[in-house]
Each structure stands twice: as structure tokens, then as C-alpha cells.
Amino acid sequence: MKRVITIGKTYKHFSGKTYKILMIARDSETSKDIVIYEALYGDHIIWARDYDMFNLKVDKERYPSCNQEYRFEQID
């Protein structure tokens, strides 16, 4: 079952930085869903990432000390 990303909610990247989900867009070339999100730090850069990539689990072999299951996890 696909994990649902919720517009308007705040998510924490496994690096500790937080982001607000602004919208889910559709890529005109691939028809894949894209997550549009805003950094809640620094210059508040707007980012875009493939929906499935946003939902990936943390690679525990590469980041064994990470406590999160997913790269981005909802915190509110």
C-alpha cells in the first residue's frame, strides 16, 4: 500500500531538516506524481521530488545510525 503524503503537513528528513508539503503535481512528460515542498529553514527553497522517491525508506546500510524508517516522516 502506498504511503500517503499529506498537503499542508510538515515532514522531517532523516537529516533533521523540516519541510512543508505545498502540493502534489503531475509531471506532464511521465504522468508521475511529484511532491512540491518548502524548506522550513534558511531561504525557504521550494523543492520537487518524485512521489515514490519521497516515500523511500532510509538505506540502513548506508545510514545505520538513522532512527527514522522513511527518508521523510510526518511530524505534525
PDB file of N, CA and C in Angstrom:
ATOM      1  N   MET A   1       0.844  -1.190   0.000  1.00  0.00           N
ATOM      2  CA  MET A   1       0.000   0.000   0.000  1.00  0.00           C
ATOM      3  C   MET A   1       0.885   1.248   0.000  1.00  0.00           C
ATOM      4  N   LYS A   2       0.546   2.188  -0.841  1.00  0.00           N
ATOM      5  CA  LYS A   2       1.321   3.417  -0.991  1.00  0.00           C
ATOM      6  C   LYS A   2       1.084   4.353   0.192  1.00  0.00           C
ATOM      7  N   ARG A   3       2.158   4.810   0.806  1.00  0.00           N
ATOM      8  CA  ARG A   3       2.058   5.778   1.895  1.00  0.00           C
ATOM      9  C   ARG A   3       1.560   7.101   1.333  1.00  0.00           C
ATOM     10  N   VAL A   4       0.601   7.721   1.997  1.00  0.00           N
ATOM     11  CA  VAL A   4       0.006   8.975   1.520  1.00  0.00           C
ATOM     12  C   VAL A   4       0.770  10.160   2.096  1.00  0.00           C
ATOM     13  N   ILE A   5       1.170  11.064   1.215  1.00  0.00           N
ATOM     14  CA  ILE A   5       1.813  12.317   1.615  1.00  0.00           C
ATOM     15  C   ILE A   5       0.705  13.359   1.696  1.00  0.00           C
ATOM     16  N   THR A   6       0.630  14.085   2.810  1.00  0.00           N
ATOM     17  CA  THR A   6      -0.486  14.991   3.062  1.00  0.00           C
ATOM     18  C   THR A   6      -0.094  16.449   2.850  1.00  0.00           C
ATOM     19  N   ILE A   7      -0.815  17.113   1.956  1.00  0.00           N
ATOM     20  CA  ILE A   7      -0.592  18.531   1.674  1.00  0.00           C
ATOM     21  C   ILE A   7      -0.840  19.344   2.937  1.00  0.00           C
ATOM     22  N   GLY A   8       0.044  20.310   3.209  1.00  0.00           N
ATOM     23  CA  GLY A   8      -0.091  21.205   4.355  1.00  0.00           C
ATOM     24  C   GLY A   8       0.588  20.703   5.615  1.00  0.00           C
ATOM     25  N   LYS A   9       1.041  19.455   5.609  1.00  0.00           N
ATOM     26  CA  LYS A   9       1.689  18.881   6.791  1.00  0.00           C
ATOM     27  C   LYS A   9       3.192  19.097   6.725  1.00  0.00           C
ATOM     28  N   THR A  10       3.836  18.980   7.885  1.00  0.00           N
ATOM     29  CA  THR A  10       5.275  19.137   7.999  1.00  0.00           C
ATOM     30  C   THR A  10       5.922  17.762   8.107  1.00  0.00           C
ATOM     31  N   TYR A  11       7.004  17.593   7.368  1.00  0.00           N
ATOM     32  CA  TYR A  11       7.753  16.345   7.353  1.00  0.00           C
ATOM     33  C   TYR A  11       9.201  16.615   7.729  1.00  0.00           C
ATOM     34  N   LYS A  12       9.803  15.655   8.398  1.00  0.00           N
ATOM     35  CA  LYS A  12      11.217  15.761   8.772  1.00  0.00           C
ATOM     36  C   LYS A  12      12.023  14.796   7.917  1.00  0.00           C
ATOM     37  N   HIS A  13      13.062  15.334   7.283  1.00  0.00           N
ATOM     38  CA  HIS A  13      14.004  14.496   6.543  1.00  0.00           C
ATOM     39  C   HIS A  13      14.883  13.789   7.568  1.00  0.00           C
ATOM     40  N   PHE A  14      15.410  12.647   7.210  1.00  0.00           N
ATOM     41  CA  PHE A  14      16.212  11.908   8.186  1.00  0.00           C
ATOM     42  C   PHE A  14      17.468  12.652   8.611  1.00  0.00           C
ATOM     43  N   SER A  15      17.833  13.701   7.874  1.00  0.00           N
ATOM     44  CA  SER A  15      18.976  14.537   8.264  1.00  0.00           C
ATOM     45  C   SER A  15      18.611  15.516   9.379  1.00  0.00           C
ATOM     46  N   GLY A  16      17.280  15.634   9.657  1.00  0.00           N
ATOM     47  CA  GLY A  16      16.814  16.504  10.728  1.00  0.00           C
ATOM     48  C   GLY A  16      16.134  17.778  10.270  1.00  0.00           C
ATOM     49  N   LYS A  17      16.249  18.129   8.995  1.00  0.00           N
ATOM     50  CA  LYS A  17      15.627  19.352   8.491  1.00  0.00           C
ATOM     51  C   LYS A  17      14.145  19.123   8.221  1.00  0.00           C
ATOM     52  N   THR A  18      13.350  20.209   8.336  1.00  0.00           N
ATOM     53  CA  THR A  18      11.906  20.085   8.182  1.00  0.00           C
ATOM     54  C   THR A  18      11.406  20.794   6.925  1.00  0.00           C
ATOM     55  N   TYR A  19      10.295  20.262   6.405  1.00  0.00           N
ATOM     56  CA  TYR A  19       9.729  20.731   5.152  1.00  0.00           C
ATOM     57  C   TYR A  19       8.208  20.699   5.231  1.00  0.00           C
ATOM     58  N   LYS A  20       7.573  21.660   4.562  1.00  0.00           N
ATOM     59  CA  LYS A  20       6.109  21.696   4.482  1.00  0.00           C
ATOM     60  C   LYS A  20       5.686  21.279   3.081  1.00  0.00           C
ATOM     61  N   ILE A  21       4.720  20.369   3.009  1.00  0.00           N
ATOM     62  CA  ILE A  21       4.213  19.915   1.717  1.00  0.00           C
ATOM     63  C   ILE A  21       3.265  20.977   1.172  1.00  0.00           C
ATOM     64  N   LEU A  22       3.568  21.503  -0.012  1.00  0.00           N
ATOM     65  CA  LEU A  22       2.758  22.556  -0.630  1.00  0.00           C
ATOM     66  C   LEU A  22       1.695  21.988  -1.561  1.00  0.00           C
ATOM     67  N   MET A  23       2.067  20.979  -2.330  1.00  0.00           N
ATOM     68  CA  MET A  23       1.123  20.391  -3.273  1.00  0.00           C
ATOM     69  C   MET A  23       1.697  19.114  -3.860  1.00  0.00           C
ATOM     70  N   ILE A  24       0.829  18.380  -4.514  1.00  0.00           N
ATOM     71  CA  ILE A  24       1.232  17.233  -5.313  1.00  0.00           C
ATOM     72  C   ILE A  24       0.949  17.614  -6.760  1.00  0.00           C
ATOM     73  N   ALA A  25       1.979  17.593  -7.593  1.00  0.00           N
ATOM     74  CA  ALA A  25       1.843  17.970  -9.003  1.00  0.00           C
ATOM     75  C   ALA A  25       1.946  16.713  -9.864  1.00  0.00           C
ATOM     76  N   ARG A  26       1.607  16.850 -11.125  1.00  0.00           N
ATOM     77  CA  ARG A  26       1.719  15.739 -12.077  1.00  0.00           C
ATOM     78  C   ARG A  26       2.718  16.141 -13.147  1.00  0.00           C
ATOM     79  N   ASP A  27       3.732  15.317 -13.361  1.00  0.00           N
ATOM     80  CA  ASP A  27       4.734  15.552 -14.396  1.00  0.00           C
ATOM     81  C   ASP A  27       4.080  15.376 -15.772  1.00  0.00           C
ATOM     82  N   SER A  28       4.166  16.386 -16.620  1.00  0.00           N
ATOM     83  CA  SER A  28       3.490  16.361 -17.916  1.00  0.00           C
ATOM     84  C   SER A  28       4.110  15.358 -18.888  1.00  0.00           C
ATOM     85  N   GLU A  29       5.344  14.989 -18.682  1.00  0.00           N
ATOM     86  CA  GLU A  29       6.006  14.041 -19.584  1.00  0.00           C
ATOM     87  C   GLU A  29       5.788  12.589 -19.174  1.00  0.00           C
ATOM     88  N   THR A  30       5.767  12.323 -17.856  1.00  0.00           N
ATOM     89  CA  THR A  30       5.703  10.945 -17.367  1.00  0.00           C
ATOM     90  C   THR A  30       4.376  10.599 -16.703  1.00  0.00           C
ATOM     91  N   SER A  31       3.583  11.616 -16.389  1.00  0.00           N
ATOM     92  CA  SER A  31       2.330  11.471 -15.634  1.00  0.00           C
ATOM     93  C   SER A  31       2.560  10.961 -14.211  1.00  0.00           C
ATOM     94  N   LYS A  32       3.799  11.022 -13.726  1.00  0.00           N
ATOM     95  CA  LYS A  32       4.083  10.624 -12.350  1.00  0.00           C
ATOM     96  C   LYS A  32       3.768  11.783 -11.401  1.00  0.00           C
ATOM     97  N   ASP A  33       3.369  11.436 -10.182  1.00  0.00           N
ATOM     98  CA  ASP A  33       3.123  12.448  -9.163  1.00  0.00           C
ATOM     99  C   ASP A  33       4.453  12.978  -8.628  1.00  0.00           C
ATOM    100  N   ILE A  34       4.474  14.273  -8.375  1.00  0.00           N
ATOM    101  CA  ILE A  34       5.650  14.969  -7.863  1.00  0.00           C
ATOM    102  C   ILE A  34       5.241  15.701  -6.597  1.00  0.00           C
ATOM    103  N   VAL A  35       6.038  15.568  -5.533  1.00  0.00           N
ATOM    104  CA  VAL A  35       5.791  16.283  -4.283  1.00  0.00           C
ATOM    105  C   VAL A  35       6.507  17.633  -4.365  1.00  0.00           C
ATOM    106  N   ILE A  36       5.769  18.714  -4.128  1.00  0.00           N
ATOM    107  CA  ILE A  36       6.330  20.064  -4.094  1.00  0.00           C
ATOM    108  C   ILE A  36       6.354  20.474  -2.629  1.00  0.00           C
ATOM    109  N   TYR A  37       7.547  20.794  -2.122  1.00  0.00           N
ATOM    110  CA  TYR A  37       7.673  21.081  -0.699  1.00  0.00           C
ATOM    111  C   TYR A  37       8.650  22.211  -0.431  1.00  0.00           C
ATOM    112  N   GLU A  38       8.429  22.904   0.693  1.00  0.00           N
ATOM    113  CA  GLU A  38       9.194  24.096   1.066  1.00  0.00           C
ATOM    114  C   GLU A  38      10.073  23.802   2.272  1.00  0.00           C
ATOM    115  N   ALA A  39      11.334  24.183   2.170  1.00  0.00           N
ATOM    116  CA  ALA A  39      12.234  24.071   3.305  1.00  0.00           C
ATOM    117  C   ALA A  39      11.787  25.051   4.391  1.00  0.00           C
ATOM    118  N   LEU A  40      11.716  24.602   5.616  1.00  0.00           N
ATOM    119  CA  LEU A  40      11.323  25.472   6.731  1.00  0.00           C
ATOM    120  C   LEU A  40      12.562  25.967   7.481  1.00  0.00           C
ATOM    121  N   TYR A  41      13.577  26.300   6.730  1.00  0.00           N
ATOM    122  CA  TYR A  41      14.834  26.811   7.275  1.00  0.00           C
ATOM    123  C   TYR A  41      15.505  27.639   6.172  1.00  0.00           C
ATOM    124  N   GLY A  42      16.476  28.406   6.534  1.00  0.00           N
ATOM    125  CA  GLY A  42      17.261  29.170   5.556  1.00  0.00           C
ATOM    126  C   GLY A  42      16.412  30.044   4.660  1.00  0.00           C
ATOM    127  N   ASP A  43      16.627  29.926   3.356  1.00  0.00           N
ATOM    128  CA  ASP A  43      15.930  30.750   2.360  1.00  0.00           C
ATOM    129  C   ASP A  43      14.581  30.182   1.932  1.00  0.00           C
ATOM    130  N   HIS A  44      14.090  29.148   2.597  1.00  0.00           N
ATOM    131  CA  HIS A  44      12.787  28.529   2.301  1.00  0.00           C
ATOM    132  C   HIS A  44      12.674  28.121   0.825  1.00  0.00           C
ATOM    133  N   ILE A  45      13.693  27.456   0.344  1.00  0.00           N
ATOM    134  CA  ILE A  45      13.723  26.988  -1.038  1.00  0.00           C
ATOM    135  C   ILE A  45      12.567  26.015  -1.280  1.00  0.00           C
ATOM    136  N   ILE A  46      11.980  26.113  -2.459  1.00  0.00           N
ATOM    137  CA  ILE A  46      10.922  25.190  -2.878  1.00  0.00           C
ATOM    138  C   ILE A  46      11.590  24.049  -3.649  1.00  0.00           C
ATOM    139  N   TRP A  47      11.273  22.825  -3.230  1.00  0.00           N
ATOM    140  CA  TRP A  47      11.858  21.630  -3.829  1.00  0.00           C
ATOM    141  C   TRP A  47      10.773  20.799  -4.496  1.00  0.00           C
ATOM    142  N   ALA A  48      11.177  19.942  -5.426  1.00  0.00           N
ATOM    143  CA  ALA A  48      10.285  18.983  -6.074  1.00  0.00           C
ATOM    144  C   ALA A  48      10.982  17.627  -6.090  1.00  0.00           C
ATOM    145  N   ARG A  49      10.209  16.580  -5.774  1.00  0.00           N
ATOM    146  CA  ARG A  49      10.764  15.230  -5.764  1.00  0.00           C
ATOM    147  C   ARG A  49       9.677  14.258  -6.192  1.00  0.00           C
ATOM    148  N   ASP A  50      10.066  13.279  -6.966  1.00  0.00           N
ATOM    149  CA  ASP A  50       9.152  12.216  -7.379  1.00  0.00           C
ATOM    150  C   ASP A  50       8.477  11.628  -6.142  1.00  0.00           C
ATOM    151  N   TYR A  51       7.168  11.428  -6.214  1.00  0.00           N
ATOM    152  CA  TYR A  51       6.370  10.953  -5.078  1.00  0.00           C
ATOM    153  C   TYR A  51       6.937   9.653  -4.508  1.00  0.00           C
ATOM    154  N   ASP A  52       7.255   8.722  -5.386  1.00  0.00           N
ATOM    155  CA  ASP A  52       7.789   7.443  -4.912  1.00  0.00           C
ATOM    156  C   ASP A  52       9.148   7.610  -4.248  1.00  0.00           C
ATOM    157  N   MET A  53       9.981   8.511  -4.755  1.00  0.00           N
ATOM    158  CA  MET A  53      11.280   8.771  -4.124  1.00  0.00           C
ATOM    159  C   MET A  53      11.087   9.415  -2.753  1.00  0.00           C
ATOM    160  N   PHE A  54      10.106  10.306  -2.640  1.00  0.00           N
ATOM    161  CA  PHE A  54       9.820  10.953  -1.362  1.00  0.00           C
ATOM    162  C   PHE A  54       9.451   9.904  -0.317  1.00  0.00           C
ATOM    163  N   ASN A  55       8.828   8.825  -0.751  1.00  0.00           N
ATOM    164  CA  ASN A  55       8.349   7.766   0.138  1.00  0.00           C
ATOM    165  C   ASN A  55       9.372   6.665   0.428  1.00  0.00           C
ATOM    166  N   LEU A  56      10.561   6.784  -0.083  1.00  0.00           N
ATOM    167  CA  LEU A  56      11.548   5.721   0.125  1.00  0.00           C
ATOM    168  C   LEU A  56      11.928   5.559   1.589  1.00  0.00           C
ATOM    169  N   LYS A  57      12.259   4.321   1.940  1.00  0.00           N
ATOM    170  CA  LYS A  57      12.795   4.051   3.273  1.00  0.00           C
ATOM    171  C   LYS A  57      14.265   4.454   3.310  1.00  0.00           C
ATOM    172  N   VAL A  58      14.756   4.774   4.484  1.00  0.00           N
ATOM    173  CA  VAL A  58      16.169   5.106   4.668  1.00  0.00           C
ATOM    174  C   VAL A  58      16.998   3.851   4.403  1.00  0.00           C
ATOM    175  N   ASP A  59      18.086   4.006   3.691  1.00  0.00           N
ATOM    176  CA  ASP A  59      19.018   2.908   3.446  1.00  0.00           C
ATOM    177  C   ASP A  59      19.833   2.691   4.727  1.00  0.00           C
ATOM    178  N   LYS A  60      19.442   1.690   5.505  1.00  0.00           N
ATOM    179  CA  LYS A  60      20.072   1.442   6.814  1.00  0.00           C
ATOM    180  C   LYS A  60      21.515   0.955   6.694  1.00  0.00           C
ATOM    181  N   GLU A  61      21.878   0.397   5.554  1.00  0.00           N
ATOM    182  CA  GLU A  61      23.273   0.005   5.353  1.00  0.00           C
ATOM    183  C   GLU A  61      24.147   1.238   5.190  1.00  0.00           C
ATOM    184  N   ARG A  62      23.631   2.224   4.503  1.00  0.00           N
ATOM    185  CA  ARG A  62      24.372   3.466   4.266  1.00  0.00           C
ATOM    186  C   ARG A  62      24.303   4.408   5.473  1.00  0.00           C
ATOM    187  N   TYR A  63      23.157   4.411   6.178  1.00  0.00           N
ATOM    188  CA  TYR A  63      22.934   5.291   7.331  1.00  0.00           C
ATOM    189  C   TYR A  63      22.489   4.453   8.535  1.00  0.00           C
ATOM    190  N   PRO A  64      23.375   3.644   9.087  1.00  0.00           N
ATOM    191  CA  PRO A  64      22.983   2.714  10.162  1.00  0.00           C
ATOM    192  C   PRO A  64      22.527   3.391  11.453  1.00  0.00           C
ATOM    193  N   SER A  65      22.935   4.615  11.698  1.00  0.00           N
ATOM    194  CA  SER A  65      22.564   5.287  12.943  1.00  0.00           C
ATOM    195  C   SER A  65      21.252   6.080  12.829  1.00  0.00           C
ATOM    196  N   CYS A  66      20.638   6.076  11.655  1.00  0.00           N
ATOM    197  CA  CYS A  66      19.387   6.813  11.448  1.00  0.00           C
ATOM    198  C   CYS A  66      18.247   6.134  12.195  1.00  0.00           C
ATOM    199  N   ASN A  67      17.459   6.928  12.928  1.00  0.00           N
ATOM    200  CA  ASN A  67      16.341   6.396  13.700  1.00  0.00           C
ATOM    201  C   ASN A  67      15.026   6.369  12.932  1.00  0.00           C
ATOM    202  N   GLN A  68      14.953   7.057  11.795  1.00  0.00           N
ATOM    203  CA  GLN A  68      13.713   7.089  11.019  1.00  0.00           C
ATOM    204  C   GLN A  68      13.620   5.869  10.108  1.00  0.00           C
ATOM    205  N   GLU A  69      12.387   5.432   9.850  1.00  0.00           N
ATOM    206  CA  GLU A  69      12.175   4.341   8.897  1.00  0.00           C
ATOM    207  C   GLU A  69      12.191   4.870   7.467  1.00  0.00           C
ATOM    208  N   TYR A  70      11.564   6.056   7.254  1.00  0.00           N
ATOM    209  CA  TYR A  70      11.456   6.647   5.934  1.00  0.00           C
ATOM    210  C   TYR A  70      12.337   7.895   5.832  1.00  0.00           C
ATOM    211  N   ARG A  71      12.727   8.231   4.614  1.00  0.00           N
ATOM    212  CA  ARG A  71      13.561   9.424   4.391  1.00  0.00           C
ATOM    213  C   ARG A  71      12.843  10.682   4.896  1.00  0.00           C
ATOM    214  N   PHE A  72      11.512  10.759   4.661  1.00  0.00           N
ATOM    215  CA  PHE A  72      10.695  11.864   5.143  1.00  0.00           C
ATOM    216  C   PHE A  72       9.560  11.277   5.988  1.00  0.00           C
ATOM    217  N   GLU A  73       9.396  11.799   7.187  1.00  0.00           N
ATOM    218  CA  GLU A  73       8.311  11.339   8.055  1.00  0.00           C
ATOM    219  C   GLU A  73       7.521  12.528   8.578  1.00  0.00           C
ATOM    220  N   GLN A  74       6.204  12.385   8.560  1.00  0.00           N
ATOM    221  CA  GLN A  74       5.313  13.443   9.034  1.00  0.00           C
ATOM    222  C   GLN A  74       5.526  13.667  10.525  1.00  0.00           C
ATOM    223  N   ILE A  75       5.582  14.954  10.928  1.00  0.00           N
ATOM    224  CA  ILE A  75       5.807  15.266  12.346  1.00  0.00           C
ATOM    225  C   ILE A  75       4.658  16.063  12.968  1.00  0.00           C
ATOM    226  N   ASP A  76       3.651  16.441  12.192  1.00  0.00           N
ATOM    227  CA  ASP A  76       2.512  17.171  12.785  1.00  0.00           C
ATOM    228  C   ASP A  76       1.205  16.567  12.368  1.00  0.00           C
TER     229      ASP A  76
END
